[in-house]
C-alpha atoms as a PDB file:
ATOM      1  CA  MET A   1      22.717  37.116   4.977  1.00  0.00           C
ATOM      2  CA  LYS A   2      22.720  35.975   8.583  1.00  0.00           C
ATOM      3  CA  LEU A   3      20.867  32.895   9.823  1.00  0.00           C
ATOM      4  CA  GLU A   4      20.484  31.481  13.313  1.00  0.00           C
ATOM      5  CA  LEU A   5      19.822  27.735  13.253  1.00  0.00           C
ATOM      6  CA  GLY A   6      18.331  26.496  16.507  1.00  0.00           C
ATOM      7  CA  LYS A   7      18.618  22.754  17.083  1.00  0.00           C
ATOM      8  CA  ILE A   8      15.986  21.047  19.239  1.00  0.00           C
ATOM      9  CA  LEU A   9      17.308  17.597  20.121  1.00  0.00           C
ATOM     10  CA  ILE A  10      14.845  14.739  19.570  1.00  0.00           C
ATOM     11  CA  LYS A  11      15.566  11.397  21.276  1.00  0.00           C
ATOM     12  CA  ASP A  12      12.341   9.546  20.418  1.00  0.00           C
ATOM     13  CA  ILE A  13       9.053   9.739  18.501  1.00  0.00           C
ATOM     14  CA  ARG A  14       5.738   8.540  19.944  1.00  0.00           C
ATOM     15  CA  PHE A  15       2.111   8.743  18.856  1.00  0.00           C
ATOM     16  CA  ASP A  16      -0.187  10.925  20.950  1.00  0.00           C
ATOM     17  CA  GLN A  17      -3.415  12.939  20.857  1.00  0.00           C
ATOM     18  CA  SER A  18      -1.530  16.118  19.930  1.00  0.00           C
ATOM     19  CA  THR A  19       1.685  16.975  18.098  1.00  0.00           C
ATOM     20  CA  HIS A  20       4.239  18.569  20.405  1.00  0.00           C
ATOM     21  CA  VAL A  21       7.752  18.203  21.813  1.00  0.00           C
ATOM     22  CA  LYS A  22       8.388  17.496  25.482  1.00  0.00           C
ATOM     23  CA  ASP A  23      11.597  16.400  27.216  1.00  0.00           C
ATOM     24  CA  GLY A  24      13.277  15.523  23.929  1.00  0.00           C
ATOM     25  CA  VAL A  25      10.368  13.409  22.673  1.00  0.00           C
ATOM     26  CA  LEU A  26       8.375  14.305  19.555  1.00  0.00           C
ATOM     27  CA  TYR A  27       4.740  13.344  20.114  1.00  0.00           C
ATOM     28  CA  VAL A  28       2.759  13.005  16.877  1.00  0.00           C
ATOM     29  CA  ASN A  29      -0.973  12.960  16.205  1.00  0.00           C
ATOM     30  CA  LYS A  30      -1.036  10.149  13.663  1.00  0.00           C
ATOM     31  CA  GLU A  31      -4.552  10.911  12.425  1.00  0.00           C
ATOM     32  CA  GLU A  32      -3.705  14.558  11.736  1.00  0.00           C
ATOM     33  CA  VAL A  33      -0.676  13.563   9.677  1.00  0.00           C
ATOM     34  CA  GLU A  34      -2.658  11.042   7.621  1.00  0.00           C
ATOM     35  CA  LYS A  35      -5.416  13.600   7.041  1.00  0.00           C
ATOM     36  CA  LEU A  36      -2.836  16.168   5.904  1.00  0.00           C
ATOM     37  CA  VAL A  37      -1.306  13.755   3.395  1.00  0.00           C
ATOM     38  CA  LEU A  38      -4.653  12.566   2.030  1.00  0.00           C
ATOM     39  CA  GLN A  39      -5.738  16.098   1.173  1.00  0.00           C
ATOM     40  CA  ASP A  40      -4.016  15.270  -2.116  1.00  0.00           C
ATOM     41  CA  GLU A  41      -6.537  13.330  -4.224  1.00  0.00           C
ATOM     42  CA  LYS A  42      -3.659  11.753  -6.149  1.00  0.00           C
ATOM     43  CA  LEU A  43      -2.960   9.600  -3.095  1.00  0.00           C
ATOM     44  CA  ALA A  44      -5.408   6.813  -2.275  1.00  0.00           C
ATOM     45  CA  GLY A  45      -3.886   5.812   1.042  1.00  0.00           C
ATOM     46  CA  CYS A  46      -1.394   6.778   3.721  1.00  0.00           C
ATOM     47  CA  HIS A  47       0.108   4.817   6.597  1.00  0.00           C
ATOM     48  CA  ILE A  48       2.264   6.383   9.302  1.00  0.00           C
ATOM     49  CA  ASP A  49       4.807   4.361  11.265  1.00  0.00           C
ATOM     50  CA  ILE A  50       7.855   4.939  13.459  1.00  0.00           C
ATOM     51  CA  ALA A  51      11.318   3.420  12.969  1.00  0.00           C
ATOM     52  CA  ARG A  52      13.883   3.827  15.739  1.00  0.00           C
ATOM     53  CA  PRO A  53      17.640   3.130  15.839  1.00  0.00           C
ATOM     54  CA  GLY A  54      18.419  -0.487  16.671  1.00  0.00           C
ATOM     55  CA  GLU A  55      15.015  -1.875  15.704  1.00  0.00           C
ATOM     56  CA  SER A  56      14.785  -4.821  13.326  1.00  0.00           C
ATOM     57  CA  VAL A  57      13.262  -2.662  10.597  1.00  0.00           C
ATOM     58  CA  ARG A  58      14.001  -2.097   6.927  1.00  0.00           C
ATOM     59  CA  ILE A  59      12.441   0.905   5.166  1.00  0.00           C
ATOM     60  CA  THR A  60      12.048   0.521   1.402  1.00  0.00           C
ATOM     61  CA  PRO A  61      11.606   1.890  -1.207  1.00  0.00           C
ATOM     62  CA  VAL A  62      12.698   5.238   0.246  1.00  0.00           C
ATOM     63  CA  LYS A  63      11.852   8.254  -1.883  1.00  0.00           C
ATOM     64  CA  ASP A  64      13.126  11.110   0.268  1.00  0.00           C
ATOM     65  CA  VAL A  65      14.324  11.974   3.781  1.00  0.00           C
ATOM     66  CA  ILE A  66      13.548  15.386   5.287  1.00  0.00           C
ATOM     67  CA  GLU A  67      14.384  17.047   8.597  1.00  0.00           C
ATOM     68  CA  PRO A  68      11.428  18.924  10.162  1.00  0.00           C
ATOM     69  CA  ARG A  69      12.159  22.656  10.263  1.00  0.00           C
ATOM     70  CA  VAL A  70      10.221  25.863  10.867  1.00  0.00           C
ATOM     71  CA  LYS A  71      10.978  29.526  10.232  1.00  0.00           C
ATOM     72  CA  VAL A  72      10.636  31.493  13.448  1.00  0.00           C
ATOM     73  CA  SER A  73      11.573  34.701  11.621  1.00  0.00           C
ATOM     74  CA  GLY A  74      12.799  35.648   8.163  1.00  0.00           C
ATOM     75  CA  GLY A  75      10.672  34.100   5.422  1.00  0.00           C
ATOM     76  CA  ASP A  76       9.180  30.619   5.024  1.00  0.00           C
ATOM     77  CA  ILE A  77      10.554  27.082   5.065  1.00  0.00           C
ATOM     78  CA  PHE A  78      10.809  25.178   1.741  1.00  0.00           C
ATOM     79  CA  PRO A  79      10.160  28.386  -0.250  1.00  0.00           C
ATOM     80  CA  GLY A  80       8.474  27.983  -3.612  1.00  0.00           C
ATOM     81  CA  VAL A  81       7.149  24.576  -2.587  1.00  0.00           C
ATOM     82  CA  ILE A  82       5.543  24.842   0.857  1.00  0.00           C
ATOM     83  CA  GLY A  83       6.243  28.477   1.767  1.00  0.00           C
ATOM     84  CA  LYS A  84       6.432  31.701  -0.192  1.00  0.00           C
ATOM     85  CA  VAL A  85       9.524  32.911  -2.017  1.00  0.00           C
ATOM     86  CA  SER A  86      10.884  36.094  -0.462  1.00  0.00           C
ATOM     87  CA  PRO A  87      14.169  38.014  -0.077  1.00  0.00           C
ATOM     88  CA  GLN A  88      14.174  36.974   3.595  1.00  0.00           C
ATOM     89  CA  VAL A  89      14.857  33.285   2.870  1.00  0.00           C
ATOM     90  CA  GLY A  90      18.171  32.412   4.514  1.00  0.00           C
ATOM     91  CA  THR A  91      17.869  35.098   7.195  1.00  0.00           C
ATOM     92  CA  GLY A  92      16.375  35.325  10.680  1.00  0.00           C
ATOM     93  CA  ARG A  93      15.966  32.200  12.776  1.00  0.00           C
ATOM     94  CA  THR A  94      15.129  28.625  11.810  1.00  0.00           C
ATOM     95  CA  HIS A  95      14.365  25.846  14.274  1.00  0.00           C
ATOM     96  CA  ALA A  96      15.195  22.227  13.384  1.00  0.00           C
ATOM     97  CA  LEU A  97      14.057  19.034  15.101  1.00  0.00           C
ATOM     98  CA  ASP A  98      17.516  17.490  15.237  1.00  0.00           C
ATOM     99  CA  GLY A  99      17.658  13.698  15.511  1.00  0.00           C
ATOM    100  CA  CYS A 100      14.415  12.899  13.715  1.00  0.00           C
ATOM    101  CA  CYS A 101      13.425  12.658  10.064  1.00  0.00           C
ATOM    102  CA  VAL A 102      10.408  12.266   7.829  1.00  0.00           C
ATOM    103  CA  VAL A 103      10.956   9.329   5.470  1.00  0.00           C
ATOM    104  CA  THR A 104       8.631   8.952   2.483  1.00  0.00           C
ATOM    105  CA  ALA A 105       8.114   5.477   1.072  1.00  0.00           C
ATOM    106  CA  GLY A 106       5.598   3.609  -1.047  1.00  0.00           C
ATOM    107  CA  LYS A 107       5.176   1.692  -4.261  1.00  0.00           C
ATOM    108  CA  ILE A 108       8.209   1.757  -6.514  1.00  0.00           C
ATOM    109  CA  VAL A 109       8.706   4.794  -8.752  1.00  0.00           C
ATOM    110  CA  GLY A 110      12.303   4.123  -9.768  1.00  0.00           C
ATOM    111  CA  PHE A 111      13.760   0.636  -9.513  1.00  0.00           C
ATOM    112  CA  GLN A 112      16.863   1.916  -7.712  1.00  0.00           C
ATOM    113  CA  GLU A 113      15.128   3.697  -4.848  1.00  0.00           C
ATOM    114  CA  GLY A 114      16.732   3.692  -1.413  1.00  0.00           C
ATOM    115  CA  VAL A 115      16.858   1.296   1.521  1.00  0.00           C
ATOM    116  CA  ILE A 116      17.310   2.193   5.209  1.00  0.00           C
ATOM    117  CA  ASP A 117      18.198  -0.589   7.665  1.00  0.00           C
ATOM    118  CA  MET A 118      17.683   0.462  11.276  1.00  0.00           C
ATOM    119  CA  SER A 119      19.900  -2.371  12.544  1.00  0.00           C
ATOM    120  CA  GLY A 120      22.263  -5.046  11.263  1.00  0.00           C
ATOM    121  CA  PRO A 121      25.475  -4.682   9.232  1.00  0.00           C
ATOM    122  CA  ALA A 122      23.964  -2.306   6.633  1.00  0.00           C
ATOM    123  CA  ALA A 123      22.947   0.186   9.340  1.00  0.00           C
ATOM    124  CA  ASP A 124      26.579   1.263   9.717  1.00  0.00           C
ATOM    125  CA  TYR A 125      26.525   2.648   6.175  1.00  0.00           C
ATOM    126  CA  CYS A 126      23.386   4.785   6.448  1.00  0.00           C
ATOM    127  CA  PRO A 127      23.107   7.969   8.548  1.00  0.00           C
ATOM    128  CA  PHE A 128      19.353   7.530   8.869  1.00  0.00           C
ATOM    129  CA  SER A 129      19.752   4.336  10.891  1.00  0.00           C
ATOM    130  CA  LYS A 130      20.801   6.676  13.696  1.00  0.00           C
ATOM    131  CA  THR A 131      17.769   9.001  13.547  1.00  0.00           C
ATOM    132  CA  CYS A 132      14.231   8.489  14.806  1.00  0.00           C
ATOM    133  CA  ASN A 133      12.172   8.279  11.624  1.00  0.00           C
ATOM    134  CA  LEU A 134       8.505   9.027  11.024  1.00  0.00           C
ATOM    135  CA  CYS A 135       7.722   6.916   7.963  1.00  0.00           C
ATOM    136  CA  VAL A 136       5.058   8.249   5.608  1.00  0.00           C
ATOM    137  CA  VAL A 137       3.998   5.334   3.403  1.00  0.00           C
ATOM    138  CA  VAL A 138       1.818   6.554   0.544  1.00  0.00           C
ATOM    139  CA  GLU A 139      -0.440   4.672  -1.869  1.00  0.00           C
ATOM    140  CA  PRO A 140      -1.047   6.222  -5.315  1.00  0.00           C
ATOM    141  CA  ALA A 141      -4.501   6.510  -6.830  1.00  0.00           C
ATOM    142  CA  ASP A 142      -5.293   4.008  -9.582  1.00  0.00           C
ATOM    143  CA  GLY A 143      -3.834   4.846 -12.963  1.00  0.00           C
ATOM    144  CA  LEU A 144      -1.566   7.597 -11.671  1.00  0.00           C
ATOM    145  CA  GLU A 145       1.390   8.295 -13.958  1.00  0.00           C
ATOM    146  CA  THR A 146       4.814   7.728 -12.450  1.00  0.00           C
ATOM    147  CA  HIS A 147       5.995  11.353 -12.510  1.00  0.00           C
ATOM    148  CA  VAL A 148       2.707  12.555 -10.987  1.00  0.00           C
ATOM    149  CA  TYR A 149       3.012   9.982  -8.218  1.00  0.00           C
ATOM    150  CA  GLU A 150       6.587  11.106  -7.523  1.00  0.00           C
ATOM    151  CA  LYS A 151       5.435  14.705  -7.079  1.00  0.00           C
ATOM    152  CA  ALA A 152       2.581  13.662  -4.789  1.00  0.00           C
ATOM    153  CA  ALA A 153       4.968  11.619  -2.613  1.00  0.00           C
ATOM    154  CA  ARG A 154       7.506  14.459  -2.582  1.00  0.00           C
ATOM    155  CA  MET A 155       4.888  16.997  -1.514  1.00  0.00           C
ATOM    156  CA  ALA A 156       3.549  14.642   1.163  1.00  0.00           C
ATOM    157  CA  GLY A 157       6.956  14.425   2.815  1.00  0.00           C
ATOM    158  CA  LEU A 158       7.526  18.176   2.721  1.00  0.00           C
ATOM    159  CA  LYS A 159       4.053  18.912   4.124  1.00  0.00           C
ATOM    160  CA  VAL A 160       4.610  16.507   7.008  1.00  0.00           C
ATOM    161  CA  ALA A 161       8.088  17.920   7.715  1.00  0.00           C
ATOM    162  CA  ALA A 162       6.688  21.467   7.831  1.00  0.00           C
ATOM    163  CA  TYR A 163       3.798  20.295  10.049  1.00  0.00           C
ATOM    164  CA  LEU A 164       6.156  18.605  12.523  1.00  0.00           C
ATOM    165  CA  GLY A 165       8.519  21.568  12.429  1.00  0.00           C
ATOM    166  CA  GLU A 166       5.755  23.761  13.856  1.00  0.00           C
ATOM    167  CA  ALA A 167       6.066  21.789  17.105  1.00  0.00           C
ATOM    168  CA  GLY A 168       9.442  23.455  17.608  1.00  0.00           C
ATOM    169  CA  ARG A 169       8.424  27.024  16.795  1.00  0.00           C
ATOM    170  CA  ASN A 170       8.069  28.309  20.364  1.00  0.00           C
ATOM    171  CA  LEU A 171      10.667  26.092  22.045  1.00  0.00           C
ATOM    172  CA  GLU A 172      14.064  27.195  23.300  1.00  0.00           C
ATOM    173  CA  PRO A 173      16.673  25.322  21.222  1.00  0.00           C
ATOM    174  CA  ASP A 174      19.281  23.088  22.846  1.00  0.00           C
ATOM    175  CA  GLU A 175      21.903  24.642  20.568  1.00  0.00           C
ATOM    176  CA  ILE A 176      22.011  27.714  18.349  1.00  0.00           C
ATOM    177  CA  LEU A 177      24.423  27.953  15.420  1.00  0.00           C
ATOM    178  CA  GLU A 178      25.061  31.179  13.539  1.00  0.00           C
ATOM    179  CA  PHE A 179      25.932  31.441   9.837  1.00  0.00           C
ATOM    180  CA  GLU A 180      26.591  34.614   7.882  1.00  0.00           C
ATOM    181  CA  THR A 181      27.653  35.467   4.349  1.00  0.00           C
ATOM    182  CA  LYS A 182      27.767  39.149   3.439  1.00  0.00           C
ATOM    183  CA  PRO A 183      27.096  40.716   0.015  1.00  0.00           C
ATOM    184  CA  ILE A 184      29.920  39.840  -2.357  1.00  0.00           C
ATOM    185  CA  PHE A 185      32.096  42.984  -2.052  1.00  0.00           C
ATOM    186  CA  GLU A 186      31.604  43.251   1.705  1.00  0.00           C
ATOM    187  CA  GLN A 187      32.485  39.588   2.094  1.00  0.00           C
ATOM    188  CA  ALA A 188      35.655  39.970   0.047  1.00  0.00           C
ATOM    189  CA  ASN A 189      36.746  42.907   2.206  1.00  0.00           C
ATOM    190  CA  GLN A 190      35.932  41.256   5.534  1.00  0.00           C
ATOM    191  CA  TYR A 191      38.920  38.902   5.364  1.00  0.00           C
ATOM    192  CA  PRO A 192      41.187  40.414   2.695  1.00  0.00           C
ATOM    193  CA  ASP A 193      44.210  38.306   3.662  1.00  0.00           C
ATOM    194  CA  LEU A 194      42.423  34.938   3.398  1.00  0.00           C
ATOM    195  CA  PRO A 195      41.917  32.975   0.159  1.00  0.00           C
ATOM    196  CA  ARG A 196      38.466  33.527  -1.334  1.00  0.00           C
ATOM    197  CA  VAL A 197      36.780  30.124  -1.643  1.00  0.00           C
ATOM    198  CA  GLY A 198      33.462  29.206  -3.266  1.00  0.00           C
ATOM    199  CA  TYR A 199      31.409  26.062  -3.668  1.00  0.00           C
ATOM    200  CA  ILE A 200      30.088  24.872  -7.045  1.00  0.00           C
ATOM    201  CA  HIS A 201      26.998  22.816  -6.256  1.00  0.00           C
ATOM    202  CA  MET A 202      25.878  20.633  -9.182  1.00  0.00           C
ATOM    203  CA  LEU A 203      22.233  19.520  -9.002  1.00  0.00           C
ATOM    204  CA  GLN A 204      20.803  16.378 -10.590  1.00  0.00           C
ATOM    205  CA  SER A 205      18.592  17.495 -13.485  1.00  0.00           C
ATOM    206  CA  GLN A 206      18.634  14.748 -16.116  1.00  0.00           C
ATOM    207  CA  GLY A 207      14.877  14.221 -15.993  1.00  0.00           C
ATOM    208  CA  LEU A 208      12.971  10.920 -15.899  1.00  0.00           C
ATOM    209  CA  LEU A 209      12.940  10.981 -12.072  1.00  0.00           C
ATOM    210  CA  HIS A 210      16.509  12.354 -11.884  1.00  0.00           C
ATOM    211  CA  ASP A 211      15.291  15.746 -10.686  1.00  0.00           C
ATOM    212  CA  THR A 212      15.949  18.522  -8.161  1.00  0.00           C
ATOM    213  CA  TYR A 213      13.975  21.688  -7.430  1.00  0.00           C
ATOM    214  CA  TYR A 214      15.275  25.213  -6.778  1.00  0.00           C
ATOM    215  CA  TYR A 215      12.655  27.439  -5.144  1.00  0.00           C
ATOM    216  CA  GLY A 216      10.099  25.052  -6.639  1.00  0.00           C
ATOM    217  CA  VAL A 217      11.539  25.318 -10.159  1.00  0.00           C
ATOM    218  CA  ASP A 218      12.804  22.234 -11.980  1.00  0.00           C
ATOM    219  CA  ALA A 219      16.605  22.528 -12.008  1.00  0.00           C
ATOM    220  CA  LYS A 220      16.661  21.861 -15.768  1.00  0.00           C
ATOM    221  CA  GLN A 221      15.062  25.259 -16.285  1.00  0.00           C
ATOM    222  CA  PHE A 222      17.601  27.603 -14.699  1.00  0.00           C
ATOM    223  CA  ILE A 223      21.056  28.804 -15.651  1.00  0.00           C
ATOM    224  CA  PRO A 224      24.019  28.857 -13.224  1.00  0.00           C
ATOM    225  CA  THR A 225      23.473  31.375 -10.453  1.00  0.00           C
ATOM    226  CA  PHE A 226      24.867  32.646  -7.158  1.00  0.00           C
ATOM    227  CA  MET A 227      23.232  31.583  -3.876  1.00  0.00           C
ATOM    228  CA  TYR A 228      23.750  32.490  -0.266  1.00  0.00           C
ATOM    229  CA  PRO A 229      24.513  29.212   1.560  1.00  0.00           C
ATOM    230  CA  THR A 230      21.884  29.952   4.204  1.00  0.00           C
ATOM    231  CA  GLU A 231      19.127  29.846   1.563  1.00  0.00           C
ATOM    232  CA  ILE A 232      19.867  26.139   1.170  1.00  0.00           C
ATOM    233  CA  MET A 233      19.557  25.633   4.939  1.00  0.00           C
ATOM    234  CA  ASP A 234      16.023  27.032   4.703  1.00  0.00           C
ATOM    235  CA  GLY A 235      15.000  24.431   2.125  1.00  0.00           C
ATOM    236  CA  ALA A 236      15.440  26.379  -1.120  1.00  0.00           C
ATOM    237  CA  ILE A 237      16.682  23.121  -2.718  1.00  0.00           C
ATOM    238  CA  VAL A 238      14.461  20.028  -2.609  1.00  0.00           C
ATOM    239  CA  SER A 239      15.205  16.536  -3.922  1.00  0.00           C
ATOM    240  CA  GLY A 240      13.019  14.903  -6.552  1.00  0.00           C
ATOM    241  CA  ASN A 241      15.501  12.142  -7.369  1.00  0.00           C
ATOM    242  CA  CYS A 242      14.089   8.612  -7.152  1.00  0.00           C
ATOM    243  CA  VAL A 243      17.005   6.635  -8.578  1.00  0.00           C
ATOM    244  CA  ALA A 244      20.647   5.704  -7.925  1.00  0.00           C
ATOM    245  CA  PRO A 245      20.566   5.678  -4.092  1.00  0.00           C
ATOM    246  CA  CYS A 246      24.362   5.395  -3.800  1.00  0.00           C
ATOM    247  CA  ASP A 247      24.585   8.866  -5.390  1.00  0.00           C
ATOM    248  CA  LYS A 248      21.262  10.291  -4.243  1.00  0.00           C
ATOM    249  CA  VAL A 249      21.191  13.603  -2.399  1.00  0.00           C
ATOM    250  CA  THR A 250      18.039  13.697  -0.267  1.00  0.00           C
ATOM    251  CA  THR A 251      16.393  16.898   0.922  1.00  0.00           C
ATOM    252  CA  TYR A 252      17.967  16.160   4.319  1.00  0.00           C
ATOM    253  CA  HIS A 253      21.428  16.226   2.710  1.00  0.00           C
ATOM    254  CA  HIS A 254      20.649  19.567   1.077  1.00  0.00           C
ATOM    255  CA  LEU A 255      19.570  21.023   4.429  1.00  0.00           C
ATOM    256  CA  HIS A 256      22.747  19.613   6.016  1.00  0.00           C
ATOM    257  CA  ASN A 257      25.109  20.088   3.071  1.00  0.00           C
ATOM    258  CA  PRO A 258      28.458  18.985   4.582  1.00  0.00           C
ATOM    259  CA  VAL A 259      30.547  21.100   2.201  1.00  0.00           C
ATOM    260  CA  ILE A 260      28.690  24.239   3.247  1.00  0.00           C
ATOM    261  CA  GLU A 261      28.884  23.324   6.933  1.00  0.00           C
ATOM    262  CA  ASP A 262      32.628  22.625   6.727  1.00  0.00           C
ATOM    263  CA  CYS A 263      33.313  25.819   4.774  1.00  0.00           C
ATOM    264  CA  TYR A 264      31.558  27.815   7.487  1.00  0.00           C
ATOM    265  CA  LYS A 265      33.720  26.103  10.125  1.00  0.00           C
ATOM    266  CA  HIS A 266      36.830  27.364   8.313  1.00  0.00           C
ATOM    267  CA  HIS A 267      35.319  30.753   7.419  1.00  0.00           C
ATOM    268  CA  GLY A 268      37.325  33.619   8.873  1.00  0.00           C
ATOM    269  CA  LYS A 269      40.070  31.252  10.054  1.00  0.00           C
ATOM    270  CA  ASP A 270      41.858  29.903   6.998  1.00  0.00           C
ATOM    271  CA  ILE A 271      39.419  30.731   4.170  1.00  0.00           C
ATOM    272  CA  ASN A 272      36.982  33.478   3.221  1.00  0.00           C
ATOM    273  CA  PHE A 273      33.849  31.521   2.225  1.00  0.00           C
ATOM    274  CA  MET A 274      32.248  33.632  -0.490  1.00  0.00           C
ATOM    275  CA  GLY A 275      29.121  31.601  -1.273  1.00  0.00           C
ATOM    276  CA  VAL A 276      27.603  29.012  -3.596  1.00  0.00           C
ATOM    277  CA  ILE A 277      27.482  28.785  -7.380  1.00  0.00           C
ATOM    278  CA  LEU A 278      24.483  26.647  -8.261  1.00  0.00           C
ATOM    279  CA  THR A 279      24.431  24.765 -11.552  1.00  0.00           C
ATOM    280  CA  ASN A 280      22.729  21.745 -13.076  1.00  0.00           C
ATOM    281  CA  GLU A 281      23.477  18.555 -15.000  1.00  0.00           C
ATOM    282  CA  ASN A 282      21.569  18.649 -18.275  1.00  0.00           C
ATOM    283  CA  VAL A 283      21.807  15.899 -20.862  1.00  0.00           C
ATOM    284  CA  PHE A 284      22.548  17.846 -24.061  1.00  0.00           C
ATOM    285  CA  LEU A 285      26.076  18.884 -25.003  1.00  0.00           C
ATOM    286  CA  ALA A 286      25.055  22.440 -25.904  1.00  0.00           C
ATOM    287  CA  ASP A 287      23.634  22.936 -22.399  1.00  0.00           C
ATOM    288  CA  LYS A 288      26.754  21.484 -20.813  1.00  0.00           C
ATOM    289  CA  GLU A 289      28.997  23.816 -22.830  1.00  0.00           C
ATOM    290  CA  ARG A 290      26.887  26.889 -22.086  1.00  0.00           C
ATOM    291  CA  HIS A 291      26.524  26.253 -18.364  1.00  0.00           C
ATOM    292  CA  SER A 292      30.153  25.317 -17.726  1.00  0.00           C
ATOM    293  CA  ASP A 293      31.151  28.562 -19.495  1.00  0.00           C
ATOM    294  CA  MET A 294      28.836  30.484 -17.180  1.00  0.00           C
ATOM    295  CA  VAL A 295      30.169  28.711 -14.080  1.00  0.00           C
ATOM    296  CA  ALA A 296      33.713  29.769 -14.979  1.00  0.00           C
ATOM    297  CA  LYS A 297      32.540  33.372 -15.496  1.00  0.00           C
ATOM    298  CA  LEU A 298      30.796  33.398 -12.115  1.00  0.00           C
ATOM    299  CA  CYS A 299      34.012  32.219 -10.441  1.00  0.00           C
ATOM    300  CA  ASN A 300      35.822  35.101 -12.119  1.00  0.00           C
ATOM    301  CA  TRP A 301      33.096  37.611 -11.144  1.00  0.00           C
ATOM    302  CA  MET A 302      33.344  36.499  -7.499  1.00  0.00           C
ATOM    303  CA  GLY A 303      37.134  36.835  -7.583  1.00  0.00           C
ATOM    304  CA  LEU A 304      37.592  33.306  -6.254  1.00  0.00           C
ATOM    305  CA  ASP A 305      41.011  31.867  -5.512  1.00  0.00           C
ATOM    306  CA  GLY A 306      39.652  28.335  -5.165  1.00  0.00           C
ATOM    307  CA  VAL A 307      36.467  26.279  -5.418  1.00  0.00           C
ATOM    308  CA  LEU A 308      35.124  22.953  -4.254  1.00  0.00           C
ATOM    309  CA  ILE A 309      32.881  21.087  -6.709  1.00  0.00           C
ATOM    310  CA  THR A 310      30.393  18.293  -6.008  1.00  0.00           C
ATOM    311  CA  GLU A 311      28.131  16.428  -8.412  1.00  0.00           C
ATOM    312  CA  GLU A 312      25.079  14.268  -7.881  1.00  0.00           C
ATOM    313  CA  GLY A 313      24.938  11.106  -9.934  1.00  0.00           C
ATOM    314  CA  TYR A 314      27.457   9.565 -12.293  1.00  0.00           C
ATOM    315  CA  GLY A 315      27.878   8.718 -15.954  1.00  0.00           C
ATOM    316  CA  ASN A 316      26.381  11.556 -17.976  1.00  0.00           C
ATOM    317  CA  PRO A 317      26.956  14.184 -15.197  1.00  0.00           C
ATOM    318  CA  ASP A 318      30.652  13.270 -15.094  1.00  0.00           C
ATOM    319  CA  THR A 319      30.913  15.274 -18.316  1.00  0.00           C
ATOM    320  CA  ASP A 320      29.541  18.375 -16.580  1.00  0.00           C
ATOM    321  CA  LEU A 321      31.899  17.800 -13.657  1.00  0.00           C
ATOM    322  CA  MET A 322      35.012  17.692 -15.821  1.00  0.00           C
ATOM    323  CA  MET A 323      33.895  20.597 -18.012  1.00  0.00           C
ATOM    324  CA  ASN A 324      33.399  22.728 -14.913  1.00  0.00           C
ATOM    325  CA  CYS A 325      36.769  21.643 -13.532  1.00  0.00           C
ATOM    326  CA  ARG A 326      38.687  22.305 -16.739  1.00  0.00           C
ATOM    327  CA  LYS A 327      37.154  25.688 -17.545  1.00  0.00           C
ATOM    328  CA  VAL A 328      37.357  27.037 -13.999  1.00  0.00           C
ATOM    329  CA  GLU A 329      41.017  26.011 -13.683  1.00  0.00           C
ATOM    330  CA  ARG A 330      41.909  27.451 -17.086  1.00  0.00           C
ATOM    331  CA  ALA A 331      40.334  30.732 -15.969  1.00  0.00           C
ATOM    332  CA  GLY A 332      42.768  30.832 -13.041  1.00  0.00           C
ATOM    333  CA  THR A 333      40.834  29.402 -10.082  1.00  0.00           C
ATOM    334  CA  LYS A 334      42.146  26.342  -8.241  1.00  0.00           C
ATOM    335  CA  VAL A 335      39.713  23.409  -8.075  1.00  0.00           C
ATOM    336  CA  VAL A 336      39.126  20.523  -5.676  1.00  0.00           C
ATOM    337  CA  LEU A 337      36.640  17.858  -6.807  1.00  0.00           C
ATOM    338  CA  ILE A 338      34.658  15.809  -4.300  1.00  0.00           C
ATOM    339  CA  THR A 339      33.441  12.621  -5.968  1.00  0.00           C
ATOM    340  CA  ASP A 340      32.447   9.110  -5.003  1.00  0.00           C
ATOM    341  CA  GLU A 341      33.928   5.790  -5.976  1.00  0.00           C
ATOM    342  CA  PHE A 342      32.110   2.560  -6.630  1.00  0.00           C
ATOM    343  CA  LYS A 343      32.898  -0.699  -8.309  1.00  0.00           C
ATOM    344  CA  PRO A 344      31.060  -1.515 -11.556  1.00  0.00           C
ATOM    345  CA  PHE A 345      29.258  -4.814 -11.907  1.00  0.00           C
ATOM    346  CA  GLY A 346      31.540  -7.701 -12.786  1.00  0.00           C
ATOM    347  CA  SER A 347      34.764  -6.065 -11.582  1.00  0.00           C
ATOM    348  CA  ASN A 348      37.093  -7.513  -8.968  1.00  0.00           C
END
């Protein structure tokens, strides 16, 4: 699969009578965005605001962050959720409004939802303090159950991101990046002298607002599978995780997965990047055993010399992480884990 990603640089967001991009500024029709969000009867209210880098603004509780994108050719954006699922996802050309984000916020769903400070000491630790953010603040209808509200807020953010992305459809990008991963045997033969490297991408799927969606399907419901990395850049993976912000992977992070981006930078130079093995983090031991077995088999099927593994979350998913590591290594593939560190309460 070959994808061209065209970046349209956005330096500011302003409200206007029409939604368009001009001279690096994203102009947004506020009323149109609110009307789009309130098409969902599960939401009783919607307020749109703008947060810029350096402003004395705190955004909380943050549910998701999404970069506006549009498919110029080759399938639809956010397939299975906003667009249709098709074999063309991950191909053609995608335009991204680089430098701006849609941030969904509203009444608390999970008590550990995120915070974005646009200025002050905490701003240094959040990438979204450096982007121009269109904040979509939603109000749930009375009596709405928590998981239904989460879905409504998630869909609101994705709808707005797709709507804004349309403003970049017919523009000439400031930068065009090209990514390509060939079918498995062709890819192996393209760089036969380089080590074959894959990426095991573990998705949060514990339930109770610890959720992720793959082509619109709850990640708890699939078994480990192969993915072309460019599918992820087209929004095939969407966040539904409303807890643990220090470990939370937003939809923006999926679109900009740094492991995938770095592997492509090394592809054809010192590694042969073969693709992504997608797996989940279920709560039952039988599922963990079954899926870690399948991950190891997929590594063997792809003929990988080495893999990188990331997890989302901590605690229960650490079991999945170590099972994947142990079984893949015992099957003969070298493993590098990418994990986070944080200090538990009460420690020095």
